[in-house]
PDB file of N, CA and C in Angstrom:
ATOM      1  N   MET A   1      -0.302  40.391  43.983  1.00  0.00           N
ATOM      2  CA  MET A   1      -1.413  41.257  44.289  1.00  0.00           C
ATOM      3  C   MET A   1      -2.590  40.457  44.856  1.00  0.00           C
ATOM      4  N   TYR A   2      -2.598  39.176  44.625  1.00  0.00           N
ATOM      5  CA  TYR A   2      -3.663  38.324  45.035  1.00  0.00           C
ATOM      6  C   TYR A   2      -3.891  38.386  46.569  1.00  0.00           C
ATOM      7  N   THR A   3      -2.804  38.487  47.289  1.00  0.00           N
ATOM      8  CA  THR A   3      -2.883  38.463  48.785  1.00  0.00           C
ATOM      9  C   THR A   3      -2.992  39.840  49.407  1.00  0.00           C
ATOM     10  N   MET A   4      -2.962  40.884  48.602  1.00  0.00           N
ATOM     11  CA  MET A   4      -3.055  42.222  49.136  1.00  0.00           C
ATOM     12  C   MET A   4      -4.505  42.551  49.613  1.00  0.00           C
ATOM     13  N   THR A   5      -4.570  43.431  50.572  1.00  0.00           N
ATOM     14  CA  THR A   5      -5.913  43.924  50.970  1.00  0.00           C
ATOM     15  C   THR A   5      -6.511  44.856  49.901  1.00  0.00           C
ATOM     16  N   ASP A   6      -7.780  45.109  49.980  1.00  0.00           N
ATOM     17  CA  ASP A   6      -8.448  46.027  49.052  1.00  0.00           C
ATOM     18  C   ASP A   6      -7.755  47.401  49.163  1.00  0.00           C
ATOM     19  N   GLU A   7      -7.491  47.865  50.382  1.00  0.00           N
ATOM     20  CA  GLU A   7      -6.871  49.158  50.598  1.00  0.00           C
ATOM     21  C   GLU A   7      -5.520  49.199  49.973  1.00  0.00           C
ATOM     22  N   GLU A   8      -4.727  48.143  50.121  1.00  0.00           N
ATOM     23  CA  GLU A   8      -3.368  48.159  49.509  1.00  0.00           C
ATOM     24  C   GLU A   8      -3.441  48.211  47.962  1.00  0.00           C
ATOM     25  N   ILE A   9      -4.393  47.442  47.384  1.00  0.00           N
ATOM     26  CA  ILE A   9      -4.537  47.470  45.976  1.00  0.00           C
ATOM     27  C   ILE A   9      -5.002  48.808  45.497  1.00  0.00           C
ATOM     28  N   LEU A  10      -5.996  49.395  46.155  1.00  0.00           N
ATOM     29  CA  LEU A  10      -6.536  50.703  45.693  1.00  0.00           C
ATOM     30  C   LEU A  10      -5.499  51.804  45.841  1.00  0.00           C
ATOM     31  N   THR A  11      -4.617  51.743  46.841  1.00  0.00           N
ATOM     32  CA  THR A  11      -3.552  52.743  47.013  1.00  0.00           C
ATOM     33  C   THR A  11      -2.628  52.720  45.789  1.00  0.00           C
ATOM     34  N   ILE A  12      -2.427  51.584  45.177  1.00  0.00           N
ATOM     35  CA  ILE A  12      -1.535  51.480  44.014  1.00  0.00           C
ATOM     36  C   ILE A  12      -2.289  51.833  42.738  1.00  0.00           C
ATOM     37  N   VAL A  13      -3.466  51.248  42.560  1.00  0.00           N
ATOM     38  CA  VAL A  13      -4.100  51.306  41.254  1.00  0.00           C
ATOM     39  C   VAL A  13      -4.961  52.580  40.999  1.00  0.00           C
ATOM     40  N   THR A  14      -5.527  53.124  42.016  1.00  0.00           N
ATOM     41  CA  THR A  14      -6.396  54.309  41.826  1.00  0.00           C
ATOM     42  C   THR A  14      -5.625  55.480  41.197  1.00  0.00           C
ATOM     43  N   PRO A  15      -4.437  55.815  41.693  1.00  0.00           N
ATOM     44  CA  PRO A  15      -3.680  56.905  41.023  1.00  0.00           C
ATOM     45  C   PRO A  15      -3.344  56.596  39.559  1.00  0.00           C
ATOM     46  N   MET A  16      -3.159  55.308  39.205  1.00  0.00           N
ATOM     47  CA  MET A  16      -2.866  54.962  37.856  1.00  0.00           C
ATOM     48  C   MET A  16      -4.128  55.210  36.950  1.00  0.00           C
ATOM     49  N   VAL A  17      -5.281  54.841  37.432  1.00  0.00           N
ATOM     50  CA  VAL A  17      -6.491  55.092  36.661  1.00  0.00           C
ATOM     51  C   VAL A  17      -6.776  56.587  36.580  1.00  0.00           C
ATOM     52  N   GLU A  18      -6.571  57.307  37.681  1.00  0.00           N
ATOM     53  CA  GLU A  18      -6.763  58.785  37.641  1.00  0.00           C
ATOM     54  C   GLU A  18      -5.858  59.410  36.572  1.00  0.00           C
ATOM     55  N   GLU A  19      -4.613  58.948  36.516  1.00  0.00           N
ATOM     56  CA  GLU A  19      -3.652  59.484  35.524  1.00  0.00           C
ATOM     57  C   GLU A  19      -4.154  59.148  34.095  1.00  0.00           C
ATOM     58  N   MET A  20      -4.627  57.945  33.920  1.00  0.00           N
ATOM     59  CA  MET A  20      -5.177  57.548  32.604  1.00  0.00           C
ATOM     60  C   MET A  20      -6.340  58.408  32.206  1.00  0.00           C
ATOM     61  N   GLN A  21      -7.223  58.731  33.173  1.00  0.00           N
ATOM     62  CA  GLN A  21      -8.407  59.483  32.900  1.00  0.00           C
ATOM     63  C   GLN A  21      -8.045  60.963  32.655  1.00  0.00           C
ATOM     64  N   LEU A  22      -7.054  61.481  33.361  1.00  0.00           N
ATOM     65  CA  LEU A  22      -6.580  62.841  33.071  1.00  0.00           C
ATOM     66  C   LEU A  22      -5.993  62.964  31.652  1.00  0.00           C
ATOM     67  N   GLY A  23      -5.228  61.909  31.252  1.00  0.00           N
ATOM     68  CA  GLY A  23      -4.714  61.869  29.872  1.00  0.00           C
ATOM     69  C   GLY A  23      -5.853  61.872  28.908  1.00  0.00           C
ATOM     70  N   TRP A  24      -6.931  61.185  29.175  1.00  0.00           N
ATOM     71  CA  TRP A  24      -8.100  61.158  28.294  1.00  0.00           C
ATOM     72  C   TRP A  24      -8.780  62.512  28.258  1.00  0.00           C
ATOM     73  N   ASP A  25      -8.933  63.108  29.414  1.00  0.00           N
ATOM     74  CA  ASP A  25      -9.579  64.466  29.454  1.00  0.00           C
ATOM     75  C   ASP A  25      -8.750  65.509  28.717  1.00  0.00           C
ATOM     76  N   GLU A  26      -7.441  65.378  28.797  1.00  0.00           N
ATOM     77  CA  GLU A  26      -6.536  66.424  28.182  1.00  0.00           C
ATOM     78  C   GLU A  26      -6.148  66.035  26.777  1.00  0.00           C
ATOM     79  N   ASP A  27      -6.653  64.945  26.251  1.00  0.00           N
ATOM     80  CA  ASP A  27      -6.276  64.440  24.903  1.00  0.00           C
ATOM     81  C   ASP A  27      -4.718  64.216  24.860  1.00  0.00           C
ATOM     82  N   SER A  28      -4.190  63.665  25.935  1.00  0.00           N
ATOM     83  CA  SER A  28      -2.748  63.357  25.987  1.00  0.00           C
ATOM     84  C   SER A  28      -2.519  61.889  25.922  1.00  0.00           C
ATOM     85  N   TYR A  29      -2.140  61.408  24.763  1.00  0.00           N
ATOM     86  CA  TYR A  29      -1.877  59.989  24.593  1.00  0.00           C
ATOM     87  C   TYR A  29      -0.768  59.523  25.501  1.00  0.00           C
ATOM     88  N   GLU A  30       0.267  60.318  25.686  1.00  0.00           N
ATOM     89  CA  GLU A  30       1.387  59.933  26.529  1.00  0.00           C
ATOM     90  C   GLU A  30       0.947  59.748  28.004  1.00  0.00           C
ATOM     91  N   ARG A  31       0.134  60.635  28.486  1.00  0.00           N
ATOM     92  CA  ARG A  31      -0.325  60.561  29.800  1.00  0.00           C
ATOM     93  C   ARG A  31      -1.324  59.402  29.999  1.00  0.00           C
ATOM     94  N   PHE A  32      -2.189  59.227  28.976  1.00  0.00           N
ATOM     95  CA  PHE A  32      -3.123  58.111  29.010  1.00  0.00           C
ATOM     96  C   PHE A  32      -2.465  56.775  29.078  1.00  0.00           C
ATOM     97  N   THR A  33      -1.424  56.591  28.372  1.00  0.00           N
ATOM     98  CA  THR A  33      -0.773  55.329  28.196  1.00  0.00           C
ATOM     99  C   THR A  33       0.412  55.111  29.142  1.00  0.00           C
ATOM    100  N   SER A  34       0.691  56.045  30.052  1.00  0.00           N
ATOM    101  CA  SER A  34       1.880  55.932  30.882  1.00  0.00           C
ATOM    102  C   SER A  34       1.919  54.744  31.787  1.00  0.00           C
ATOM    103  N   ASN A  35       0.819  54.086  32.126  1.00  0.00           N
ATOM    104  CA  ASN A  35       0.804  52.946  33.002  1.00  0.00           C
ATOM    105  C   ASN A  35       0.336  51.679  32.308  1.00  0.00           C
ATOM    106  N   LEU A  36       0.229  51.687  30.973  1.00  0.00           N
ATOM    107  CA  LEU A  36      -0.251  50.518  30.245  1.00  0.00           C
ATOM    108  C   LEU A  36       0.908  49.512  30.043  1.00  0.00           C
ATOM    109  N   SER A  37       0.585  48.213  30.025  1.00  0.00           N
ATOM    110  CA  SER A  37       1.540  47.193  29.750  1.00  0.00           C
ATOM    111  C   SER A  37       1.949  47.299  28.261  1.00  0.00           C
ATOM    112  N   GLY A  38       3.046  46.679  27.901  1.00  0.00           N
ATOM    113  CA  GLY A  38       3.511  46.664  26.517  1.00  0.00           C
ATOM    114  C   GLY A  38       2.504  45.957  25.583  1.00  0.00           C
ATOM    115  N   GLU A  39       1.898  44.915  26.112  1.00  0.00           N
ATOM    116  CA  GLU A  39       0.866  44.189  25.291  1.00  0.00           C
ATOM    117  C   GLU A  39      -0.348  45.078  25.039  1.00  0.00           C
ATOM    118  N   PHE A  40      -0.771  45.832  26.055  1.00  0.00           N
ATOM    119  CA  PHE A  40      -1.912  46.734  25.910  1.00  0.00           C
ATOM    120  C   PHE A  40      -1.586  47.834  24.956  1.00  0.00           C
ATOM    121  N   LEU A  41      -0.311  48.311  24.988  1.00  0.00           N
ATOM    122  CA  LEU A  41       0.134  49.375  24.087  1.00  0.00           C
ATOM    123  C   LEU A  41       0.126  48.937  22.657  1.00  0.00           C
ATOM    124  N   GLN A  42       0.279  47.646  22.393  1.00  0.00           N
ATOM    125  CA  GLN A  42       0.244  47.168  21.028  1.00  0.00           C
ATOM    126  C   GLN A  42      -1.126  47.352  20.433  1.00  0.00           C
ATOM    127  N   PHE A  43      -2.182  47.271  21.265  1.00  0.00           N
ATOM    128  CA  PHE A  43      -3.542  47.533  20.856  1.00  0.00           C
ATOM    129  C   PHE A  43      -3.890  49.017  20.896  1.00  0.00           C
ATOM    130  N   MET A  44      -3.490  49.692  21.980  1.00  0.00           N
ATOM    131  CA  MET A  44      -3.899  51.107  22.164  1.00  0.00           C
ATOM    132  C   MET A  44      -2.835  52.005  21.561  1.00  0.00           C
ATOM    133  N   THR A  45      -2.851  51.965  20.211  1.00  0.00           N
ATOM    134  CA  THR A  45      -1.926  52.869  19.432  1.00  0.00           C
ATOM    135  C   THR A  45      -2.479  54.286  19.504  1.00  0.00           C
ATOM    136  N   ARG A  46      -1.679  55.247  19.029  1.00  0.00           N
ATOM    137  CA  ARG A  46      -2.197  56.615  18.954  1.00  0.00           C
ATOM    138  C   ARG A  46      -3.448  56.684  18.079  1.00  0.00           C
ATOM    139  N   ASP A  47      -3.459  55.968  16.978  1.00  0.00           N
ATOM    140  CA  ASP A  47      -4.681  56.010  16.053  1.00  0.00           C
ATOM    141  C   ASP A  47      -5.877  55.432  16.785  1.00  0.00           C
ATOM    142  N   GLU A  48      -5.675  54.320  17.527  1.00  0.00           N
ATOM    143  CA  GLU A  48      -6.826  53.712  18.262  1.00  0.00           C
ATOM    144  C   GLU A  48      -7.294  54.637  19.384  1.00  0.00           C
ATOM    145  N   PHE A  49      -6.406  55.299  20.080  1.00  0.00           N
ATOM    146  CA  PHE A  49      -6.744  56.280  21.110  1.00  0.00           C
ATOM    147  C   PHE A  49      -7.587  57.395  20.462  1.00  0.00           C
ATOM    148  N   ASP A  50      -7.107  57.949  19.349  1.00  0.00           N
ATOM    149  CA  ASP A  50      -7.835  59.036  18.660  1.00  0.00           C
ATOM    150  C   ASP A  50      -9.219  58.567  18.221  1.00  0.00           C
ATOM    151  N   LYS A  51      -9.325  57.366  17.731  1.00  0.00           N
ATOM    152  CA  LYS A  51     -10.593  56.841  17.261  1.00  0.00           C
ATOM    153  C   LYS A  51     -11.547  56.713  18.387  1.00  0.00           C
ATOM    154  N   GLN A  52     -11.156  56.046  19.472  1.00  0.00           N
ATOM    155  CA  GLN A  52     -11.994  55.825  20.602  1.00  0.00           C
ATOM    156  C   GLN A  52     -12.384  57.136  21.289  1.00  0.00           C
ATOM    157  N   ARG A  53     -11.454  58.061  21.411  1.00  0.00           N
ATOM    158  CA  ARG A  53     -11.699  59.302  22.046  1.00  0.00           C
ATOM    159  C   ARG A  53     -12.731  60.108  21.185  1.00  0.00           C
ATOM    160  N   GLY A  54     -12.607  60.006  19.893  1.00  0.00           N
ATOM    161  CA  GLY A  54     -13.541  60.704  19.025  1.00  0.00           C
ATOM    162  C   GLY A  54     -14.925  60.239  19.104  1.00  0.00           C
ATOM    163  N   GLU A  55     -15.091  58.930  19.446  1.00  0.00           N
ATOM    164  CA  GLU A  55     -16.427  58.334  19.597  1.00  0.00           C
ATOM    165  C   GLU A  55     -16.988  58.526  20.954  1.00  0.00           C
ATOM    166  N   ILE A  56     -16.158  58.381  21.973  1.00  0.00           N
ATOM    167  CA  ILE A  56     -16.609  58.364  23.356  1.00  0.00           C
ATOM    168  C   ILE A  56     -16.648  59.696  24.073  1.00  0.00           C
ATOM    169  N   PHE A  57     -15.593  60.547  23.848  1.00  0.00           N
ATOM    170  CA  PHE A  57     -15.512  61.754  24.609  1.00  0.00           C
ATOM    171  C   PHE A  57     -16.710  62.725  24.353  1.00  0.00           C
ATOM    172  N   PRO A  58     -17.215  62.817  23.136  1.00  0.00           N
ATOM    173  CA  PRO A  58     -18.408  63.703  22.914  1.00  0.00           C
ATOM    174  C   PRO A  58     -19.603  63.268  23.771  1.00  0.00           C
ATOM    175  N   LYS A  59     -19.715  61.969  24.042  1.00  0.00           N
ATOM    176  CA  LYS A  59     -20.858  61.468  24.766  1.00  0.00           C
ATOM    177  C   LYS A  59     -20.693  61.642  26.290  1.00  0.00           C
ATOM    178  N   LEU A  60     -19.443  61.474  26.800  1.00  0.00           N
ATOM    179  CA  LEU A  60     -19.256  61.533  28.252  1.00  0.00           C
ATOM    180  C   LEU A  60     -18.665  62.762  28.751  1.00  0.00           C
ATOM    181  N   GLY A  61     -17.859  63.477  27.977  1.00  0.00           N
ATOM    182  CA  GLY A  61     -17.173  64.659  28.476  1.00  0.00           C
ATOM    183  C   GLY A  61     -16.025  64.290  29.374  1.00  0.00           C
ATOM    184  N   LYS A  62     -15.574  65.206  30.230  1.00  0.00           N
ATOM    185  CA  LYS A  62     -14.491  64.949  31.142  1.00  0.00           C
ATOM    186  C   LYS A  62     -14.980  64.140  32.337  1.00  0.00           C
ATOM    187  N   HIS A  63     -14.069  63.408  32.963  1.00  0.00           N
ATOM    188  CA  HIS A  63     -14.469  62.717  34.158  1.00  0.00           C
ATOM    189  C   HIS A  63     -14.358  63.630  35.323  1.00  0.00           C
ATOM    190  N   THR A  64     -15.246  63.467  36.281  1.00  0.00           N
ATOM    191  CA  THR A  64     -15.265  64.326  37.516  1.00  0.00           C
ATOM    192  C   THR A  64     -15.063  63.591  38.787  1.00  0.00           C
ATOM    193  N   GLY A  65     -15.024  62.230  38.687  1.00  0.00           N
ATOM    194  CA  GLY A  65     -14.729  61.465  39.877  1.00  0.00           C
ATOM    195  C   GLY A  65     -14.904  59.967  39.679  1.00  0.00           C
ATOM    196  N   LEU A  66     -14.211  59.212  40.515  1.00  0.00           N
ATOM    197  CA  LEU A  66     -14.338  57.768  40.521  1.00  0.00           C
ATOM    198  C   LEU A  66     -14.846  57.266  41.836  1.00  0.00           C
ATOM    199  N   THR A  67     -15.751  56.315  41.830  1.00  0.00           N
ATOM    200  CA  THR A  67     -16.227  55.701  43.064  1.00  0.00           C
ATOM    201  C   THR A  67     -15.962  54.201  42.976  1.00  0.00           C
ATOM    202  N   PHE A  68     -15.180  53.678  43.922  1.00  0.00           N
ATOM    203  CA  PHE A  68     -14.820  52.277  43.881  1.00  0.00           C
ATOM    204  C   PHE A  68     -16.044  51.412  44.077  1.00  0.00           C
ATOM    205  N   VAL A  69     -16.112  50.315  43.296  1.00  0.00           N
ATOM    206  CA  VAL A  69     -17.240  49.394  43.321  1.00  0.00           C
ATOM    207  C   VAL A  69     -16.771  48.042  43.852  1.00  0.00           C
ATOM    208  N   HIS A  70     -15.742  47.399  43.205  1.00  0.00           N
ATOM    209  CA  HIS A  70     -15.368  46.010  43.521  1.00  0.00           C
ATOM    210  C   HIS A  70     -14.017  45.686  42.996  1.00  0.00           C
ATOM    211  N   ILE A  71     -13.336  44.758  43.703  1.00  0.00           N
ATOM    212  CA  ILE A  71     -12.097  44.145  43.252  1.00  0.00           C
ATOM    213  C   ILE A  71     -12.356  42.651  43.035  1.00  0.00           C
ATOM    214  N   HIS A  72     -11.941  42.195  41.934  1.00  0.00           N
ATOM    215  CA  HIS A  72     -11.964  40.708  41.663  1.00  0.00           C
ATOM    216  C   HIS A  72     -10.510  40.204  41.589  1.00  0.00           C
ATOM    217  N   ARG A  73     -10.195  39.224  42.419  1.00  0.00           N
ATOM    218  CA  ARG A  73      -8.863  38.700  42.402  1.00  0.00           C
ATOM    219  C   ARG A  73      -8.737  37.467  41.606  1.00  0.00           C
ATOM    220  N   ASN A  74      -7.696  37.368  40.796  1.00  0.00           N
ATOM    221  CA  ASN A  74      -7.260  36.159  40.111  1.00  0.00           C
ATOM    222  C   ASN A  74      -5.870  35.799  40.537  1.00  0.00           C
ATOM    223  N   PRO A  75      -5.370  34.615  40.374  1.00  0.00           N
ATOM    224  CA  PRO A  75      -4.044  34.240  40.833  1.00  0.00           C
ATOM    225  C   PRO A  75      -2.967  35.164  40.254  1.00  0.00           C
ATOM    226  N   THR A  76      -3.128  35.659  39.049  1.00  0.00           N
ATOM    227  CA  THR A  76      -2.036  36.422  38.377  1.00  0.00           C
ATOM    228  C   THR A  76      -2.371  37.891  38.223  1.00  0.00           C
ATOM    229  N   ASP A  77      -3.579  38.306  38.530  1.00  0.00           N
ATOM    230  CA  ASP A  77      -3.934  39.738  38.353  1.00  0.00           C
ATOM    231  C   ASP A  77      -5.147  40.080  39.171  1.00  0.00           C
ATOM    232  N   VAL A  78      -5.520  41.357  39.143  1.00  0.00           N
ATOM    233  CA  VAL A  78      -6.748  41.787  39.770  1.00  0.00           C
ATOM    234  C   VAL A  78      -7.446  42.710  38.810  1.00  0.00           C
ATOM    235  N   SER A  79      -8.819  42.684  38.858  1.00  0.00           N
ATOM    236  CA  SER A  79      -9.669  43.580  38.111  1.00  0.00           C
ATOM    237  C   SER A  79     -10.355  44.444  39.071  1.00  0.00           C
ATOM    238  N   VAL A  80     -10.411  45.751  38.765  1.00  0.00           N
ATOM    239  CA  VAL A  80     -11.049  46.715  39.717  1.00  0.00           C
ATOM    240  C   VAL A  80     -12.106  47.487  38.889  1.00  0.00           C
ATOM    241  N   LEU A  81     -13.273  47.581  39.512  1.00  0.00           N
ATOM    242  CA  LEU A  81     -14.453  48.232  38.880  1.00  0.00           C
ATOM    243  C   LEU A  81     -14.744  49.528  39.630  1.00  0.00           C
ATOM    244  N   TRP A  82     -14.917  50.610  38.883  1.00  0.00           N
ATOM    245  CA  TRP A  82     -15.358  51.912  39.478  1.00  0.00           C
ATOM    246  C   TRP A  82     -16.569  52.446  38.706  1.00  0.00           C
ATOM    247  N   GLU A  83     -17.339  53.251  39.375  1.00  0.00           N
ATOM    248  CA  GLU A  83     -18.324  54.145  38.718  1.00  0.00           C
ATOM    249  C   GLU A  83     -17.535  55.447  38.405  1.00  0.00           C
ATOM    250  N   MET A  84     -17.711  55.914  37.194  1.00  0.00           N
ATOM    251  CA  MET A  84     -17.067  57.134  36.833  1.00  0.00           C
ATOM    252  C   MET A  84     -18.104  58.218  36.467  1.00  0.00           C
ATOM    253  N   GLU A  85     -18.041  59.326  37.192  1.00  0.00           N
ATOM    254  CA  GLU A  85     -18.910  60.434  36.938  1.00  0.00           C
ATOM    255  C   GLU A  85     -18.271  61.292  35.863  1.00  0.00           C
ATOM    256  N   CYS A  86     -19.110  61.810  34.931  1.00  0.00           N
ATOM    257  CA  CYS A  86     -18.652  62.601  33.821  1.00  0.00           C
ATOM    258  C   CYS A  86     -19.491  63.887  33.588  1.00  0.00           C
ATOM    259  N   THR A  87     -18.856  64.805  32.932  1.00  0.00           N
ATOM    260  CA  THR A  87     -19.564  66.125  32.713  1.00  0.00           C
ATOM    261  C   THR A  87     -20.679  66.043  31.672  1.00  0.00           C
ATOM    262  N   GLY A  88     -20.608  65.141  30.779  1.00  0.00           N
ATOM    263  CA  GLY A  88     -21.541  65.075  29.697  1.00  0.00           C
ATOM    264  C   GLY A  88     -22.683  64.113  29.885  1.00  0.00           C
ATOM    265  N   ARG A  89     -22.836  63.525  31.100  1.00  0.00           N
ATOM    266  CA  ARG A  89     -23.837  62.520  31.318  1.00  0.00           C
ATOM    267  C   ARG A  89     -24.278  62.552  32.738  1.00  0.00           C
ATOM    268  N   SER A  90     -25.589  62.470  32.990  1.00  0.00           N
ATOM    269  CA  SER A  90     -26.118  62.527  34.345  1.00  0.00           C
ATOM    270  C   SER A  90     -25.926  61.237  35.096  1.00  0.00           C
ATOM    271  N   MET A  91     -25.863  60.106  34.359  1.00  0.00           N
ATOM    272  CA  MET A  91     -25.637  58.808  34.997  1.00  0.00           C
ATOM    273  C   MET A  91     -24.181  58.454  34.896  1.00  0.00           C
ATOM    274  N   SER A  92     -23.654  57.709  35.884  1.00  0.00           N
ATOM    275  CA  SER A  92     -22.253  57.333  35.861  1.00  0.00           C
ATOM    276  C   SER A  92     -22.059  56.244  34.795  1.00  0.00           C
ATOM    277  N   ALA A  93     -20.778  56.144  34.350  1.00  0.00           N
ATOM    278  CA  ALA A  93     -20.310  55.084  33.457  1.00  0.00           C
ATOM    279  C   ALA A  93     -19.592  54.059  34.360  1.00  0.00           C
ATOM    280  N   LEU A  94     -19.348  52.891  33.827  1.00  0.00           N
ATOM    281  CA  LEU A  94     -18.582  51.892  34.565  1.00  0.00           C
ATOM    282  C   LEU A  94     -17.196  51.781  33.878  1.00  0.00           C
ATOM    283  N   ILE A  95     -16.131  51.774  34.666  1.00  0.00           N
ATOM    284  CA  ILE A  95     -14.802  51.533  34.122  1.00  0.00           C
ATOM    285  C   ILE A  95     -14.192  50.364  34.883  1.00  0.00           C
ATOM    286  N   CYS A  96     -13.596  49.446  34.150  1.00  0.00           N
ATOM    287  CA  CYS A  96     -12.971  48.277  34.739  1.00  0.00           C
ATOM    288  C   CYS A  96     -11.581  48.183  34.183  1.00  0.00           C
ATOM    289  N   CYS A  97     -10.572  47.981  35.016  1.00  0.00           N
ATOM    290  CA  CYS A  97      -9.194  47.825  34.556  1.00  0.00           C
ATOM    291  C   CYS A  97      -8.645  46.561  35.223  1.00  0.00           C
ATOM    292  N   ARG A  98      -7.834  45.862  34.456  1.00  0.00           N
ATOM    293  CA  ARG A  98      -7.103  44.706  34.959  1.00  0.00           C
ATOM    294  C   ARG A  98      -5.673  45.136  35.213  1.00  0.00           C
ATOM    295  N   PHE A  99      -5.120  44.708  36.304  1.00  0.00           N
ATOM    296  CA  PHE A  99      -3.767  45.066  36.739  1.00  0.00           C
ATOM    297  C   PHE A  99      -2.968  43.806  37.029  1.00  0.00           C
ATOM    298  N   THR A 100      -1.674  43.857  36.655  1.00  0.00           N
ATOM    299  CA  THR A 100      -0.782  42.793  37.078  1.00  0.00           C
ATOM    300  C   THR A 100       0.644  43.378  37.284  1.00  0.00           C
ATOM    301  N   LYS A 101       1.464  42.584  37.962  1.00  0.00           N
ATOM    302  CA  LYS A 101       2.839  43.016  38.213  1.00  0.00           C
ATOM    303  C   LYS A 101       3.714  42.375  37.145  1.00  0.00           C
ATOM    304  N   ILE A 102       4.496  43.218  36.481  1.00  0.00           N
ATOM    305  CA  ILE A 102       5.473  42.781  35.479  1.00  0.00           C
ATOM    306  C   ILE A 102       6.824  43.395  35.911  1.00  0.00           C
ATOM    307  N   LYS A 103       7.738  42.488  36.244  1.00  0.00           N
ATOM    308  CA  LYS A 103       9.065  42.908  36.636  1.00  0.00           C
ATOM    309  C   LYS A 103       8.964  43.945  37.828  1.00  0.00           C
ATOM    310  N   GLN A 104       8.212  43.630  38.820  1.00  0.00           N
ATOM    311  CA  GLN A 104       8.049  44.415  40.079  1.00  0.00           C
ATOM    312  C   GLN A 104       7.311  45.731  39.820  1.00  0.00           C
ATOM    313  N   ARG A 105       6.693  45.945  38.667  1.00  0.00           N
ATOM    314  CA  ARG A 105       5.940  47.166  38.396  1.00  0.00           C
ATOM    315  C   ARG A 105       4.520  46.770  38.070  1.00  0.00           C
ATOM    316  N   VAL A 106       3.547  47.425  38.748  1.00  0.00           N
ATOM    317  CA  VAL A 106       2.153  47.170  38.459  1.00  0.00           C
ATOM    318  C   VAL A 106       1.782  47.970  37.200  1.00  0.00           C
ATOM    319  N   VAL A 107       1.098  47.310  36.271  1.00  0.00           N
ATOM    320  CA  VAL A 107       0.671  47.956  35.038  1.00  0.00           C
ATOM    321  C   VAL A 107      -0.812  47.563  34.723  1.00  0.00           C
ATOM    322  N   ILE A 108      -1.400  48.413  33.858  1.00  0.00           N
ATOM    323  CA  ILE A 108      -2.758  48.099  33.402  1.00  0.00           C
ATOM    324  C   ILE A 108      -2.634  47.244  32.183  1.00  0.00           C
ATOM    325  N   THR A 109      -3.248  46.077  32.214  1.00  0.00           N
ATOM    326  CA  THR A 109      -3.168  45.144  31.075  1.00  0.00           C
ATOM    327  C   THR A 109      -4.395  45.167  30.219  1.00  0.00           C
ATOM    328  N   GLU A 110      -5.521  45.648  30.725  1.00  0.00           N
ATOM    329  CA  GLU A 110      -6.725  45.764  29.956  1.00  0.00           C
ATOM    330  C   GLU A 110      -7.599  46.793  30.629  1.00  0.00           C
ATOM    331  N   GLY A 111      -8.498  47.416  29.800  1.00  0.00           N
ATOM    332  CA  GLY A 111      -9.449  48.380  30.350  1.00  0.00           C
ATOM    333  C   GLY A 111     -10.716  48.427  29.524  1.00  0.00           C
ATOM    334  N   TRP A 112     -11.800  48.635  30.188  1.00  0.00           N
ATOM    335  CA  TRP A 112     -13.140  48.682  29.527  1.00  0.00           C
ATOM    336  C   TRP A 112     -13.916  49.867  30.145  1.00  0.00           C
ATOM    337  N   ILE A 113     -14.756  50.460  29.287  1.00  0.00           N
ATOM    338  CA  ILE A 113     -15.702  51.440  29.769  1.00  0.00           C
ATOM    339  C   ILE A 113     -17.076  51.079  29.272  1.00  0.00           C
ATOM    340  N   ASN A 114     -18.074  51.136  30.079  1.00  0.00           N
ATOM    341  CA  ASN A 114     -19.464  50.839  29.702  1.00  0.00           C
ATOM    342  C   ASN A 114     -20.318  52.036  30.094  1.00  0.00           C
ATOM    343  N   PHE A 115     -21.088  52.478  29.134  1.00  0.00           N
ATOM    344  CA  PHE A 115     -21.957  53.647  29.376  1.00  0.00           C
ATOM    345  C   PHE A 115     -23.229  53.549  28.580  1.00  0.00           C
TER     346      PHE A 115
END
């Protein structure tokens, strides 16, 4: 992924983050976690998902859009930052996800939201 253009990276990772956010909006753990790495899944259990959603969703509401901000390349992965618009907040939140290829499949290895 290190040598890919921004456009190539975004073509792969943006639909993955959109799917994750739709899972969040719909309270669907299966949809939310469908592109997470095995290591990330060890942390993001159903109980952890329910806990975080219970704390964050009332403050942000559903997501209404993502605006690309920046890609940071590392030799083994890339981190992508977006502004995320939400129904429950007039200001955007920031979402950052780290992606890597594992056995020819791109997966989300970490994710953060700041609001």
